[in-house]
Amino acid sequence: MRVLKSYRKAWEALQIDVGVAGGRHKSYRDTIVIAVLNNMGALFHQLSNFRKSRYCFRSLKNILSSDSITVKIELAPEIRDGMMMNCYYTEERSDEIDTIL
């Protein structure tokens, strides 16, 4: 749970930074957002909190599918592909869970 608290604090700090710093650190901030969403999604999935996991991975999928410079240039293709696999896996598992419930 401490790890989750740390990620939540990082997420809050990133949201504050958007308002304060504007676009000055956009690439750096985008990279951190991508990592936080991926890791939080994986943690929520492990904790069986599928609703929050789905939210994280859907948000991550939207970012990775965008035309963002960070995604296209600064994120290595194998890392991007691995994260997209997480998104697809969670999406598939979420559909299975929705069907069961």
Protein backbone atom coordinates (compact mmCIF):
# COMPACT_ATOMS: atom_id res chain seq x y z
CA MET A 1 0.00 0.00 0.00
CA ARG A 2 2.94 2.36 0.56
CA VAL A 3 3.90 1.98 -3.07
CA LEU A 4 0.39 2.93 -4.12
CA LYS A 5 0.49 6.00 -1.86
CA SER A 6 3.78 7.02 -3.45
CA TYR A 7 2.30 6.75 -6.93
CA ARG A 8 -0.76 8.75 -5.87
CA LYS A 9 1.49 11.49 -4.46
CA ALA A 10 3.50 11.50 -7.69
CA TRP A 11 0.25 11.75 -9.67
CA GLU A 12 -0.92 14.71 -7.56
CA ALA A 13 2.45 16.43 -7.98
CA LEU A 14 2.28 15.95 -11.74
CA GLN A 15 -1.18 17.51 -11.84
CA ILE A 16 0.08 20.51 -9.86
CA ASP A 17 3.11 20.79 -12.17
CA VAL A 18 0.85 21.03 -15.22
CA GLY A 19 -0.75 24.17 -13.82
CA VAL A 20 2.47 25.72 -12.53
CA ALA A 21 5.12 24.86 -15.12
CA GLY A 22 2.93 24.89 -18.21
CA GLY A 23 4.80 23.42 -21.17
CA ARG A 24 8.36 23.93 -19.96
CA HIS A 25 8.89 20.36 -18.82
CA LYS A 26 6.32 18.64 -21.03
CA SER A 27 8.51 15.84 -22.37
CA TYR A 28 9.87 14.95 -18.94
CA ARG A 29 6.41 15.13 -17.38
CA ASP A 30 4.86 13.01 -20.15
CA THR A 31 7.47 10.29 -19.62
CA ILE A 32 6.72 10.19 -15.89
CA VAL A 33 2.95 10.13 -16.50
CA ILE A 34 3.35 7.15 -18.84
CA ALA A 35 5.41 5.24 -16.27
CA VAL A 36 3.06 6.09 -13.38
CA LEU A 37 -0.05 5.01 -15.32
CA ASN A 38 1.58 1.74 -16.37
CA ASN A 39 2.80 0.89 -12.88
CA MET A 40 -0.40 1.96 -11.11
CA GLY A 41 -2.45 -0.06 -13.58
CA ALA A 42 -0.32 -3.13 -12.92
CA LEU A 43 -0.57 -2.66 -9.15
CA PHE A 44 -4.33 -2.22 -9.23
CA HIS A 45 -4.61 -5.32 -11.40
CA GLN A 46 -2.54 -7.35 -8.91
CA LEU A 47 -4.75 -6.05 -6.09
CA SER A 48 -7.86 -7.14 -8.07
CA ASN A 49 -9.10 -3.56 -8.31
CA PHE A 50 -10.01 -4.00 -11.96
CA ARG A 51 -12.03 -0.79 -12.32
CA LYS A 52 -9.02 1.38 -11.39
CA SER A 53 -6.68 -0.82 -13.40
CA ARG A 54 -8.89 -0.44 -16.45
CA TYR A 55 -8.97 3.35 -16.00
CA CYS A 56 -5.15 3.55 -15.79
CA PHE A 57 -4.60 1.35 -18.83
CA ARG A 58 -7.27 3.09 -20.93
CA SER A 59 -5.62 6.42 -20.14
CA LEU A 60 -2.22 4.94 -20.97
CA LYS A 61 -3.53 3.51 -24.24
CA ASN A 62 -4.87 6.94 -25.24
CA ILE A 63 -1.49 8.52 -24.57
CA LEU A 64 0.46 5.80 -26.38
CA SER A 65 -1.90 6.03 -29.37
CA SER A 66 -1.52 9.81 -29.59
CA ASP A 67 0.80 11.84 -31.80
CA SER A 68 2.80 12.99 -28.78
CA ILE A 69 6.45 13.77 -29.47
CA THR A 70 7.37 11.96 -26.25
CA VAL A 71 5.70 8.76 -27.43
CA LYS A 72 7.16 8.92 -30.92
CA ILE A 73 10.72 10.02 -30.17
CA GLU A 74 11.69 9.55 -26.54
CA LEU A 75 9.95 6.27 -25.74
CA ALA A 76 11.80 3.24 -27.09
CA PRO A 77 9.58 1.15 -29.41
CA GLU A 78 10.03 -2.03 -27.35
CA ILE A 79 8.94 -0.20 -24.18
CA ARG A 80 5.94 1.29 -25.95
CA ASP A 81 4.99 -2.12 -27.35
CA GLY A 82 5.29 -3.74 -23.92
CA MET A 83 3.03 -1.12 -22.38
CA MET A 84 0.49 -1.53 -25.18
CA MET A 85 0.49 -5.28 -24.48
CA ASN A 86 -0.41 -4.46 -20.86
CA CYS A 87 -3.26 -2.28 -22.14
CA TYR A 88 -4.60 -4.96 -24.49
CA TYR A 89 -4.25 -7.70 -21.86
CA THR A 90 -6.14 -5.66 -19.26
CA GLU A 91 -8.81 -4.74 -21.79
CA GLU A 92 -9.28 -8.40 -22.68
CA ARG A 93 -9.38 -9.50 -19.02
CA SER A 94 -11.81 -6.69 -18.16
CA ASP A 95 -14.20 -7.88 -20.85
CA GLU A 96 -14.01 -11.43 -19.43
CA ILE A 97 -14.67 -10.19 -15.89
CA ASP A 98 -17.59 -8.02 -17.07
CA THR A 99 -19.10 -11.09 -18.74
CA ILE A 100 -18.77 -13.17 -15.57
CA LEU A 101 -20.23 -10.49 -13.32
